Structures are given as structure tokens and as C-alpha cells.
Amino acid sequence: MSNLELDPPETLCAESPAPPGVEVIEPRDVPLGGPRAMPVRRTLPSKQRSLVGAWCFLDHYGPDDVSTTGGMRVPPHPHTGLQTVSWLFTGEIEHRDSAGHQAMVRPGELNLMTAGRGINHSEYSTPSTTVLHGVQLWTALPEPFRNAAPGFERYVPRAVVLEADDGGRLGELRVFLGELRGSASPVLTYSAILGAELVLEPGAAVDFAVEPEFEHAVLPDGGDAEVEGERIAGAHLAYLSPGRVRLRLRNPGRAPLRAVLLGGPPFGEEITMWWNFVGRSHEEIVAYRSAWNAQIGVEEAAGAEDDAARFAPVVGLTGGEGPLPAPPLPHVRLRPRPSARTGSAQTERNPMTAVQDTPEESTAARHAAHFVHAEQRHRYEVHVGDATVGFAQYRLKEEGAVVAFDHTEVSDGYSGLGLASRLVTFALDDVRSKGQRIRPYCPYVRAFLKRHPEYQDLVVDGFEG
């Protein structure tokens, strides 16, 4: 989804330390474009808070009668430096993008688009949709990945029934990103993150064990909710600071209550966010805007050739409105949103790309490389000098007995040196030494196992990637 505001505000959002209780963020109404604008309720970003973990944008809309609002009609528009998360409660939306992906967004199905260095996409509710209801979220990409190649993933999480000690039904849970209550999403994210839909029966209360380093937010969809004993009005966002190991939610009403639960460790980088762009400086946003308006022919190209080629047309789009021009910039210098922590997190400055392994390994970088297990970050890393130039990311399953490898990447300047193969060899040898097994969700690890059958015994029996 685009931010269709014609005069998007330049707001320096505060990230002051949150009180130990529940901080309530009231939504602001934003018309989603056009004379029959579909209204949305926006709680992120707000003047109180810029981000919750890596979550940097939250629009909540509906239930809307599309015969009145016209539904969702978002023509082609650009994004940079973020991932978009589409999660519907009711209705259907058609997604198309410049990387060639076409998908129908339906209730209970995650659609995640990675913008990376730049993508162009459109979203239209389908003619059969009569009521549209859901949330649209963005996550900011951390420094090493914000110029990654654009991509798209779809995932249908299973519903986990929540039961009381006596076997009574409390509700159900769908985890679309991250992990909660033993349910985990295999979808790749570039930060530790949690996203889930919860439906509670009338009067039901649930305690969740949560990661203490995470901050969390709860958005009740319709009626009120009780979050840690505090009543939160529907469509308001309840923010909870890090440090808790359990989170209690209760439905005080007489009808089932839906809520969206978000979480993640505080995002340790300053970001500059304006319109549909996430960057790191005023100059980057100016370049993104210029590149997009030049691409669609409303302005002359003013940036470098690389910037001019950042966005491509949406593939397969017929009819409909033309692409959305980027609005004028405010007459002030855009300011970054402050980091949620004192200082910035330690990040690697090399943009990452897909692994390209070749036998050619005769360079100084290849010989200078060393490999480490960064347990706190749940990944194996390859270092050259002081730089982290690649990693293999994983999640622990079955109380640590199984290592689920999700993703392997090597920086642009270090591909083709055999580092990815050596990194995975290091990781699998370490797994074997600890008596663990693996689930190779990562395409590169699966390809490595085909070339190295001596590691096949580590794969969990019956695993299908």
C-alpha cells in the first residue's frame, strides 16, 4: 500500500523512553487518495513513537463498504528500503509489481514484498469484494539489506487453537512472521520480528511467553481489549517496552475480539522516511523522488544513471490509472527519526545480494576470511578484517535440537570467492559437533547439500523444503 497523502508531513517522531506500563497511541484518520477516498487509521508513525522493533508503518482500515468508498485503488507507486506486509481480515486485493509478481491477497494469507533498492507496485481490490477490512504494515530494512534485490513471498499460516487448562477454547492464533506459542513462520525477514493475528473468545484471557529483548504492540481490531490489565479502545495501539517475559491479553467484551500483535528488538538505526521511501538521509530521499518522477516522465532525471534505473514498470498491468507522481518535498530539510536506542546498532555497511558461488578462491580476501558463530544473532558469519561480509541465518527449533537455516548471503564485493560454501561447511560442522539436526529452508543450503551428500544425515527425517 502507498502513502497517498499529497502533502505528507515531515514529522520528527519522538523515541523517548517508554514508561513501564502500557503506552497508548491514538490513530489519526488518513484518506487513501481520490474523491471517494478509502479512510485508514494510522498509528505508526506517530508523534509518540516512530517504530516498534523494525515495524515503521501501520494502517488499519475497514470494515468498509466498497460501494461507498470505492475500495482500494492504489495505482503504480514506488518503495525503497522496506518490506510491506499485507494482512486481510475481509475482502480480496490484487497485487502486481515491477519484479514480475502477481498475487491475490486474501484473508489469513501473508503477502510480503521486499522493496530493497527499489520496487514499483499496484494494489486494487477485486470487483467481487464488497467489504474491505485489514491492516497494511511496513518494516524498515537494516543497513546491510536495504539495497537488496526486490522480492515477494506468500505464506498461509495455520490456525493454532488456544486452550485453557480445562480444555476449554480460548481462541486461535495465526503467526505470519516470527515465532510465538510454538508456531513459527518460515518467511524471510531481515530483522528479528513478530507479527500475529489473535482472536479471543468473549471473556477469554491468554498469557504469552515473549522475548524479553522485544518491544511489543497490540492493535485491537474492533472492540476494546485488556493489555496487561489496561483497557485499550479498538483501533488504538498499545505499546509495551522491552523487559517483560510474559504478555497478558484479555477480551472483556461479549463478542469475539480480533487483535494484531507486533514485536521486535528496538531498531538501532536512524531512518529518514517520507512518502513511500525509507532511507538514511535527506539526500537519499531527494534522489529516490527524482528517480521515480523521472521514470514516469513527470520530471527530468536529475540524479545518477543508477538512480534513474532504480524503478521499473509494473509487469502485466492493464488499464487503470497511471502511476502516482511523488508529491513535492517540504520546504525544510528532512530529518532522520532517532534511533530507539542510545547510538546505533553495530551494522555491516556492505549491501547484500544473492549468493553466487564459484570455484575461484585465489584472492587475499578469500585467505583472510575467518568464520564465527554469532549465537546472540542466530547466525554464522564470515569476517574479512573488521567487516562482516556474509552470514547464514537460522532459528532454533524443538528446544534447540534442530537448527532451521533460513537464508545465506555474501556482500557484493565478496561473491565468487567460495566464501558461502566455506561458511555453510563451518556451520554444518558446528551443528554436527553439538549433536543437532537441521531443516534447510534456505535455497543455498539445500543446493549445498546436493553437492555435499556427506551432510545429508543432518537433515531432519521427512523434511521437505
Protein backbone atom coordinates (compact mmCIF):
# COMPACT_ATOMS: atom_id res chain seq x y z
CA MET A 1 0.00 0.00 0.00
CA SER A 2 1.09 3.52 -0.74
CA ASN A 3 1.02 6.54 1.48
CA LEU A 4 -1.23 8.62 -0.77
CA GLU A 5 -1.07 11.85 1.21
CA LEU A 6 -0.46 14.70 -1.22
CA ASP A 7 1.33 16.66 1.48
CA PRO A 8 2.95 14.01 3.68
CA PRO A 9 4.04 15.62 6.94
CA GLU A 10 7.70 15.91 7.85
CA THR A 11 7.45 14.92 11.49
CA LEU A 12 10.33 14.26 13.82
CA CYS A 13 8.89 11.37 15.78
CA ALA A 14 9.95 11.07 19.39
CA GLU A 15 11.51 7.90 20.75
CA SER A 16 11.62 8.88 24.40
CA PRO A 17 11.90 6.02 26.88
CA ALA A 18 8.52 4.39 27.42
CA PRO A 19 7.04 4.06 30.89
CA PRO A 20 6.98 0.54 32.34
CA GLY A 21 3.23 0.26 31.82
CA VAL A 22 1.22 0.48 28.59
CA GLU A 23 1.62 3.48 26.29
CA VAL A 24 -1.49 4.16 24.18
CA ILE A 25 -1.15 5.60 20.66
CA GLU A 26 -4.34 7.11 19.21
CA PRO A 27 -4.95 6.62 15.49
CA ARG A 28 -5.17 9.52 13.05
CA ASP A 29 -7.53 9.35 10.07
CA VAL A 30 -5.89 9.47 6.65
CA PRO A 31 -7.84 9.41 3.34
CA LEU A 32 -6.32 6.88 0.96
CA GLY A 33 -6.47 9.04 -2.17
CA GLY A 34 -9.11 10.18 -4.64
CA PRO A 35 -12.50 11.91 -4.32
CA ARG A 36 -14.02 8.75 -2.82
CA ALA A 37 -11.07 8.13 -0.56
CA MET A 38 -10.95 4.94 1.48
CA PRO A 39 -10.29 6.07 5.08
CA VAL A 40 -7.49 4.41 7.04
CA ARG A 41 -6.47 4.75 10.68
CA ARG A 42 -2.71 5.28 11.08
CA THR A 43 -0.92 4.61 14.37
CA LEU A 44 2.66 4.22 13.08
CA PRO A 45 4.46 6.50 12.64
CA SER A 46 3.12 8.83 15.32
CA LYS A 47 4.43 11.80 17.26
CA GLN A 48 4.84 9.46 20.22
CA ARG A 49 6.67 6.64 18.50
CA SER A 50 8.38 6.05 15.16
CA LEU A 51 8.86 2.29 15.27
CA VAL A 52 8.05 -0.86 17.19
CA GLY A 53 11.05 -3.07 16.52
CA ALA A 54 11.53 -2.79 12.75
CA TRP A 55 7.80 -2.03 12.23
CA CYS A 56 7.68 1.55 10.92
CA PHE A 57 4.18 1.93 9.42
CA LEU A 58 0.72 0.65 10.39
CA ASP A 59 -2.54 1.43 8.59
CA HIS A 60 -5.77 -0.19 9.83
CA TYR A 61 -8.79 0.02 7.54
CA GLY A 62 -12.38 -1.18 7.43
CA PRO A 63 -14.69 -2.82 7.57
CA ASP A 64 -15.52 -0.57 4.58
CA ASP A 65 -18.43 -0.92 2.17
CA VAL A 66 -16.57 -0.55 -1.13
CA SER A 67 -19.73 0.68 -2.86
CA THR A 68 -19.34 3.80 -0.70
CA THR A 69 -15.56 4.17 -0.50
CA GLY A 70 -14.67 2.79 -3.92
CA GLY A 71 -12.42 0.23 -2.25
CA MET A 72 -8.67 0.13 -2.59
CA ARG A 73 -7.40 1.72 -5.80
CA VAL A 74 -3.67 2.29 -5.49
CA PRO A 75 -2.01 2.82 -8.90
CA PRO A 76 1.67 2.01 -9.50
CA HIS A 77 3.91 3.69 -6.92
CA PRO A 78 7.45 3.15 -5.62
CA HIS A 79 9.06 1.92 -2.40
CA THR A 80 12.65 1.72 -1.16
CA GLY A 81 14.37 0.34 1.94
CA LEU A 82 11.44 -1.57 3.40
CA GLN A 83 9.24 -4.67 3.34
CA THR A 84 5.44 -4.35 3.01
CA VAL A 85 3.19 -6.76 4.90
CA SER A 86 -0.40 -7.18 3.66
CA TRP A 87 -2.81 -8.94 6.04
CA LEU A 88 -6.53 -9.01 5.28
CA PHE A 89 -9.50 -9.83 7.52
CA THR A 90 -12.15 -9.50 4.77
CA GLY A 91 -12.07 -8.91 1.02
CA GLU A 92 -9.55 -9.51 -1.76
CA ILE A 93 -6.81 -7.34 -3.32
CA GLU A 94 -4.78 -7.92 -6.48
CA HIS A 95 -1.06 -7.15 -6.18
CA ARG A 96 1.29 -6.60 -9.15
CA ASP A 97 4.87 -5.34 -9.09
CA SER A 98 7.84 -4.45 -11.26
CA ALA A 99 9.70 -7.65 -10.32
CA GLY A 100 7.01 -9.67 -12.14
CA HIS A 101 4.95 -10.88 -9.18
CA GLN A 102 1.17 -11.10 -9.36
CA ALA A 103 -0.81 -12.33 -6.36
CA MET A 104 -4.29 -12.24 -4.85
CA VAL A 105 -4.19 -11.06 -1.24
CA ARG A 106 -6.85 -12.93 0.74
CA PRO A 107 -7.83 -13.18 4.42
CA GLY A 108 -5.43 -15.21 6.54
CA GLU A 109 -2.70 -15.19 3.86
CA LEU A 110 0.51 -13.24 4.31
CA ASN A 111 1.83 -11.33 1.32
CA LEU A 112 5.27 -9.84 1.94
CA MET A 113 7.01 -7.64 -0.63
CA THR A 114 10.66 -6.66 -0.29
CA ALA A 115 11.34 -3.28 -1.86
CA GLY A 116 15.10 -3.26 -1.24
CA ARG A 117 16.86 -0.89 -3.64
CA GLY A 118 13.56 -0.09 -5.36
CA ILE A 119 10.26 -1.60 -6.50
CA ASN A 120 7.07 -0.33 -8.14
CA HIS A 121 3.71 -1.96 -7.41
CA SER A 122 -0.06 -1.54 -7.59
CA GLU A 123 -2.95 -2.72 -5.41
CA TYR A 124 -6.61 -2.91 -6.39
CA SER A 125 -9.49 -4.51 -4.52
CA THR A 126 -11.23 -7.01 -6.80
CA PRO A 127 -14.70 -6.47 -8.36
CA SER A 128 -16.12 -9.29 -6.22
CA THR A 129 -15.08 -7.55 -2.98
CA THR A 130 -17.97 -5.91 -1.14
CA VAL A 131 -16.31 -5.29 2.23
CA LEU A 132 -12.62 -4.50 2.70
CA HIS A 133 -11.00 -4.87 6.11
CA GLY A 134 -7.40 -5.42 7.19
CA VAL A 135 -4.03 -3.94 8.06
CA GLN A 136 -1.08 -2.81 5.99
CA LEU A 137 2.35 -2.67 7.62
CA TRP A 138 5.93 -1.81 6.67
CA THR A 139 9.17 -2.92 8.24
CA ALA A 140 12.37 -0.91 7.81
CA LEU A 141 15.27 -2.88 6.35
CA PRO A 142 18.50 -2.69 8.38
CA GLU A 143 21.62 -1.23 6.77
CA PRO A 144 23.16 -4.39 5.24
CA PHE A 145 19.94 -5.28 3.40
CA ARG A 146 18.22 -2.05 2.45
CA ASN A 147 19.64 -2.25 -1.10
CA ALA A 148 18.79 -5.93 -1.56
CA ALA A 149 17.08 -7.15 -4.72
CA PRO A 150 13.27 -6.74 -4.69
CA GLY A 151 11.23 -9.85 -3.95
CA PHE A 152 7.86 -11.28 -2.92
CA GLU A 153 6.70 -14.12 -0.66
CA ARG A 154 3.33 -15.61 0.18
CA TYR A 155 2.59 -17.76 3.23
CA VAL A 156 -0.60 -19.20 4.73
CA PRO A 157 -0.08 -19.74 8.48
CA ARG A 158 -2.06 -22.45 10.20
CA ALA A 159 -4.50 -21.55 12.95
CA VAL A 160 -3.30 -22.64 16.38
CA VAL A 161 -6.18 -23.27 18.80
CA LEU A 162 -5.61 -21.73 22.22
CA GLU A 163 -6.97 -23.85 25.06
CA ALA A 164 -7.50 -23.30 28.79
CA ASP A 165 -6.11 -25.73 31.36
CA ASP A 166 -9.52 -27.44 31.49
CA GLY A 167 -9.57 -27.87 27.70
CA GLY A 168 -11.94 -25.00 27.03
CA ARG A 169 -11.41 -22.95 23.89
CA LEU A 170 -9.87 -19.51 24.42
CA GLY A 171 -9.39 -18.54 20.80
CA GLU A 172 -6.90 -19.05 18.00
CA LEU A 173 -3.58 -17.66 16.82
CA ARG A 174 -2.02 -17.21 13.38
CA VAL A 175 1.67 -16.31 13.34
CA PHE A 176 2.54 -14.73 9.98
CA LEU A 177 6.07 -13.55 10.90
CA GLY A 178 8.44 -14.75 13.58
CA GLU A 179 7.52 -17.26 16.28
CA LEU A 180 5.02 -17.45 19.15
CA ARG A 181 3.48 -20.27 21.19
CA GLY A 182 5.45 -22.87 19.22
CA SER A 183 4.16 -21.65 15.85
CA ALA A 184 6.82 -20.25 13.52
CA SER A 185 6.70 -18.58 10.12
CA PRO A 186 9.33 -19.65 7.55
CA VAL A 187 9.15 -16.32 5.72
CA LEU A 188 12.45 -14.45 5.47
CA THR A 189 12.77 -11.18 7.36
CA TYR A 190 15.91 -9.11 7.78
CA SER A 191 15.38 -8.35 11.48
CA ALA A 192 14.15 -10.42 14.39
CA ILE A 193 10.41 -9.71 14.29
CA LEU A 194 6.96 -10.90 15.38
CA GLY A 195 3.64 -10.49 13.59
CA ALA A 196 0.49 -12.43 14.54
CA GLU A 197 -3.30 -12.30 14.46
CA LEU A 198 -5.12 -13.33 17.63
CA VAL A 199 -8.86 -13.99 18.04
CA LEU A 200 -10.09 -14.31 21.64
CA GLU A 201 -13.44 -15.67 22.74
CA PRO A 202 -15.64 -13.45 24.98
CA GLY A 203 -14.10 -13.18 28.44
CA ALA A 204 -11.03 -15.22 27.48
CA ALA A 205 -7.56 -14.29 28.70
CA VAL A 206 -4.23 -15.60 27.38
CA ASP A 207 -0.68 -15.29 28.70
CA PHE A 208 2.09 -15.43 26.11
CA ALA A 209 5.76 -16.08 26.85
CA VAL A 210 7.57 -13.33 24.90
CA GLU A 211 11.17 -12.41 24.14
CA PRO A 212 12.38 -10.01 26.87
CA GLU A 213 14.54 -8.01 24.42
CA PHE A 214 11.47 -7.30 22.24
CA GLU A 215 9.23 -4.28 22.43
CA HIS A 216 5.61 -5.15 21.56
CA ALA A 217 2.44 -3.50 20.31
CA VAL A 218 -1.18 -4.71 20.32
CA LEU A 219 -3.85 -3.35 17.94
CA PRO A 220 -7.44 -4.37 18.87
CA ASP A 221 -9.39 -4.52 15.61
CA GLY A 222 -12.95 -3.90 16.75
CA GLY A 223 -13.92 -3.83 20.40
CA ASP A 224 -11.83 -2.97 23.41
CA ALA A 225 -9.04 -5.22 24.71
CA GLU A 226 -7.26 -5.51 28.03
CA VAL A 227 -3.48 -5.43 27.64
CA GLU A 228 -1.59 -6.14 30.84
CA GLY A 229 -4.78 -5.25 32.72
CA GLU A 230 -5.25 -1.87 31.00
CA ARG A 231 -8.29 -1.32 28.81
CA ILE A 232 -7.37 -0.31 25.24
CA ALA A 233 -10.00 1.08 22.87
CA GLY A 234 -10.44 -0.56 19.49
CA ALA A 235 -8.14 0.77 16.72
CA HIS A 236 -5.76 2.26 19.33
CA LEU A 237 -2.23 0.86 19.54
CA ALA A 238 -0.92 -0.35 22.90
CA TYR A 239 2.88 -0.15 23.12
CA LEU A 240 4.94 -2.13 25.68
CA SER A 241 8.65 -1.55 26.23
CA PRO A 242 11.24 -4.36 26.41
CA GLY A 243 11.96 -6.24 29.59
CA ARG A 244 8.87 -8.41 30.11
CA VAL A 245 8.91 -12.18 29.74
CA ARG A 246 5.11 -12.62 29.60
CA LEU A 247 2.33 -10.65 27.96
CA ARG A 248 -1.30 -10.96 29.10
CA LEU A 249 -4.23 -10.19 26.77
CA ARG A 250 -7.92 -10.42 27.66
CA ASN A 251 -11.19 -9.93 25.81
CA PRO A 252 -13.55 -8.06 28.16
CA GLY A 253 -16.40 -7.99 25.66
CA ARG A 254 -19.33 -10.23 24.76
CA ALA A 255 -18.22 -10.95 21.19
CA PRO A 256 -15.01 -12.50 19.82
CA LEU A 257 -12.16 -10.00 19.67
CA ARG A 258 -9.51 -9.82 16.94
CA ALA A 259 -6.15 -8.20 17.65
CA VAL A 260 -2.82 -7.87 15.82
CA LEU A 261 0.33 -8.45 17.88
CA LEU A 262 3.65 -6.98 16.71
CA GLY A 263 7.12 -7.14 18.20
CA GLY A 264 10.87 -6.97 17.72
CA PRO A 265 14.04 -5.69 19.37
CA PRO A 266 14.38 -1.88 19.24
CA PHE A 267 15.61 -0.81 15.81
CA GLY A 268 19.11 0.53 16.39
CA GLU A 269 19.42 2.80 13.35
CA GLU A 270 18.15 6.25 12.43
CA ILE A 271 15.94 6.23 9.34
CA THR A 272 14.65 9.00 7.12
CA MET A 273 11.12 8.18 5.96
CA TRP A 274 8.99 10.30 3.63
CA TRP A 275 6.06 9.35 1.40
CA ASN A 276 6.84 5.76 0.29
CA PHE A 277 10.59 5.88 0.74
CA VAL A 278 12.75 4.72 3.64
CA GLY A 279 16.35 5.92 3.50
CA ARG A 280 19.07 7.25 5.75
CA SER A 281 19.37 10.90 4.75
CA HIS A 282 17.59 13.85 3.14
CA GLU A 283 19.82 13.47 0.09
CA GLU A 284 18.76 9.85 -0.43
CA ILE A 285 15.06 10.74 -0.29
CA VAL A 286 15.61 13.56 -2.80
CA ALA A 287 17.38 11.10 -5.14
CA TYR A 288 14.62 8.47 -4.80
CA ARG A 289 11.92 11.05 -5.53
CA SER A 290 13.80 12.41 -8.54
CA ALA A 291 14.43 8.91 -9.92
CA TRP A 292 10.76 7.94 -9.60
CA ASN A 293 9.34 11.12 -11.16
CA ALA A 294 11.87 10.86 -14.00
CA GLN A 295 10.91 7.20 -14.52
CA ILE A 296 7.23 8.09 -15.00
CA GLY A 297 8.00 11.17 -17.12
CA VAL A 298 6.81 13.99 -14.87
CA GLU A 299 10.28 15.43 -14.26
CA GLU A 300 13.65 15.36 -15.96
CA ALA A 301 16.21 12.99 -14.47
CA ALA A 302 18.43 14.82 -12.02
CA GLY A 303 20.42 12.02 -10.39
CA ALA A 304 22.99 9.45 -11.40
CA GLU A 305 22.31 6.86 -14.10
CA ASP A 306 21.98 4.17 -11.43
CA ASP A 307 19.24 6.17 -9.69
CA ALA A 308 17.40 6.70 -12.97
CA ALA A 309 17.18 2.91 -13.45
CA ARG A 310 16.06 2.22 -9.86
CA PHE A 311 12.37 1.64 -10.69
CA ALA A 312 10.81 -0.40 -13.50
CA PRO A 313 7.19 -0.54 -14.73
CA VAL A 314 4.67 -2.86 -13.08
CA VAL A 315 4.56 -6.11 -15.05
CA GLY A 316 1.25 -7.18 -16.59
CA LEU A 317 -0.81 -4.17 -15.51
CA THR A 318 -3.54 -3.25 -17.99
CA GLY A 319 -5.93 -0.30 -17.77
CA GLY A 320 -6.42 1.63 -14.57
CA GLU A 321 -4.84 4.92 -13.58
CA GLY A 322 -1.34 5.97 -14.46
CA PRO A 323 1.48 5.84 -11.91
CA LEU A 324 1.38 8.14 -8.89
CA PRO A 325 3.82 11.07 -9.07
CA ALA A 326 5.78 11.74 -5.89
CA PRO A 327 4.44 14.91 -4.22
CA PRO A 328 6.61 17.99 -3.69
CA LEU A 329 9.10 17.79 -0.87
CA PRO A 330 8.52 20.03 2.16
CA HIS A 331 10.41 23.31 2.24
CA VAL A 332 12.59 22.05 5.08
CA ARG A 333 15.39 19.55 5.29
CA LEU A 334 14.09 16.07 6.12
CA ARG A 335 15.31 14.91 9.50
CA PRO A 336 16.04 11.30 10.45
CA ARG A 337 13.94 9.56 13.03
CA PRO A 338 16.08 8.98 16.09
CA SER A 339 17.29 5.52 16.97
CA ALA A 340 15.27 3.68 19.58
CA ARG A 341 18.49 3.07 21.48
CA THR A 342 21.36 5.31 22.53
CA GLY A 343 23.60 5.26 19.46
CA SER A 344 23.21 2.96 16.50
CA ALA A 345 23.42 -0.77 16.45
CA GLN A 346 26.60 -2.23 15.03
CA THR A 347 25.82 -2.88 11.37
CA GLU A 348 27.72 -4.08 8.34
CA ARG A 349 27.87 -1.46 5.61
CA ASN A 350 28.06 -3.72 2.58
CA PRO A 351 24.76 -4.16 0.68
CA MET A 352 23.91 -7.85 0.34
CA THR A 353 23.00 -9.75 -2.80
CA ALA A 354 22.11 -13.32 -3.61
CA VAL A 355 24.99 -15.77 -3.20
CA GLN A 356 26.94 -16.53 -6.37
CA ASP A 357 29.46 -19.25 -5.55
CA THR A 358 32.23 -20.24 -7.98
CA PRO A 359 35.39 -22.37 -7.56
CA GLU A 360 37.59 -19.28 -7.95
CA GLU A 361 39.03 -18.65 -4.46
CA SER A 362 42.58 -17.33 -5.06
CA THR A 363 42.34 -13.81 -3.59
CA ALA A 364 43.63 -12.13 -0.48
CA ALA A 365 40.07 -11.74 0.83
CA ARG A 366 39.46 -15.46 0.50
CA HIS A 367 42.55 -16.30 2.54
CA ALA A 368 41.91 -13.57 5.13
CA ALA A 369 38.37 -14.76 5.86
CA HIS A 370 37.50 -16.24 9.23
CA PHE A 371 34.23 -17.73 10.44
CA VAL A 372 32.37 -17.27 13.71
CA HIS A 373 29.16 -18.42 15.34
CA ALA A 374 27.25 -15.29 16.44
CA GLU A 375 24.84 -17.09 18.76
CA GLN A 376 23.09 -13.96 20.05
CA ARG A 377 22.20 -13.01 16.48
CA HIS A 378 21.28 -16.57 15.50
CA ARG A 379 23.65 -16.73 12.57
CA TYR A 380 27.05 -17.94 11.39
CA GLU A 381 29.20 -15.15 9.97
CA VAL A 382 32.20 -14.73 7.70
CA HIS A 383 34.52 -11.83 8.53
CA VAL A 384 37.25 -10.23 6.44
CA GLY A 385 39.27 -7.87 8.62
CA ASP A 386 36.79 -5.88 10.73
CA ALA A 387 33.91 -6.29 8.26
CA THR A 388 31.14 -8.88 8.36
CA VAL A 389 30.80 -9.82 4.69
CA GLY A 390 28.34 -12.71 4.84
CA PHE A 391 26.16 -14.82 7.07
CA ALA A 392 23.91 -17.88 7.33
CA GLN A 393 20.80 -17.05 9.37
CA TYR A 394 18.93 -19.67 11.41
CA ARG A 395 16.21 -20.27 14.02
CA LEU A 396 16.37 -22.86 16.80
CA LYS A 397 13.53 -25.38 16.90
CA GLU A 398 12.49 -28.23 19.18
CA GLU A 399 14.16 -26.78 22.27
CA GLY A 400 17.41 -26.22 20.41
CA ALA A 401 17.72 -29.71 18.96
CA VAL A 402 17.05 -28.52 15.40
CA VAL A 403 18.70 -25.63 13.53
CA ALA A 404 16.43 -24.21 10.82
CA PHE A 405 18.57 -22.37 8.23
CA ASP A 406 16.57 -19.57 6.58
CA HIS A 407 18.94 -17.51 4.49
CA THR A 408 22.56 -17.23 3.30
CA GLU A 409 24.09 -14.09 1.79
CA VAL A 410 27.51 -12.67 0.87
CA SER A 411 28.25 -8.99 0.21
CA ASP A 412 28.59 -7.70 -3.35
CA GLY A 413 32.36 -7.30 -3.27
CA TYR A 414 32.97 -10.80 -1.90
CA SER A 415 30.79 -13.05 -4.08
CA GLY A 416 32.53 -15.53 -6.34
CA LEU A 417 35.24 -16.34 -3.77
CA GLY A 418 33.79 -19.56 -2.38
CA LEU A 419 33.04 -17.90 0.95
CA ALA A 420 29.42 -19.06 1.08
CA SER A 421 30.42 -22.70 0.63
CA ARG A 422 33.07 -22.44 3.35
CA LEU A 423 30.61 -20.65 5.64
CA VAL A 424 27.96 -23.36 5.30
CA THR A 425 30.62 -26.05 5.80
CA PHE A 426 31.69 -24.31 9.01
CA ALA A 427 28.08 -24.04 10.18
CA LEU A 428 27.18 -27.66 9.47
CA ASP A 429 30.36 -28.94 11.10
CA ASP A 430 29.43 -26.93 14.20
CA VAL A 431 25.88 -28.32 14.16
CA ARG A 432 27.24 -31.86 13.89
CA SER A 433 29.66 -31.32 16.78
CA LYS A 434 26.73 -30.34 19.02
CA GLY A 435 24.57 -33.32 18.08
CA GLN A 436 21.91 -31.13 16.44
CA ARG A 437 19.90 -31.68 13.24
CA ILE A 438 18.92 -29.18 10.54
CA ARG A 439 15.99 -28.02 8.45
CA PRO A 440 17.36 -26.39 5.28
CA TYR A 441 14.71 -23.81 4.33
CA CYS A 442 17.46 -21.72 2.71
CA PRO A 443 17.76 -22.46 -1.06
CA TYR A 444 21.54 -22.11 -0.93
CA VAL A 445 21.89 -24.62 1.92
CA ARG A 446 19.64 -27.06 0.02
CA ALA A 447 21.83 -26.68 -3.07
CA PHE A 448 24.95 -27.17 -0.94
CA LEU A 449 23.55 -30.43 0.47
CA LYS A 450 23.00 -31.76 -3.06
CA ARG A 451 26.67 -31.10 -3.81
CA HIS A 452 27.80 -32.49 -0.45
CA PRO A 453 25.79 -35.62 0.38
CA GLU A 454 28.09 -36.30 3.35
CA TYR A 455 25.97 -33.79 5.29
CA GLN A 456 22.57 -35.27 4.35
CA ASP A 457 22.42 -37.25 7.61
CA LEU A 458 21.96 -33.94 9.45
CA VAL A 459 18.60 -33.25 7.78
CA VAL A 460 15.53 -33.96 9.93
CA ASP A 461 13.77 -37.09 8.70
CA GLY A 462 10.83 -36.29 6.45
CA PHE A 463 11.85 -32.67 5.84
CA GLU A 464 10.51 -31.16 2.62
CA GLY A 465 11.80 -27.70 1.76
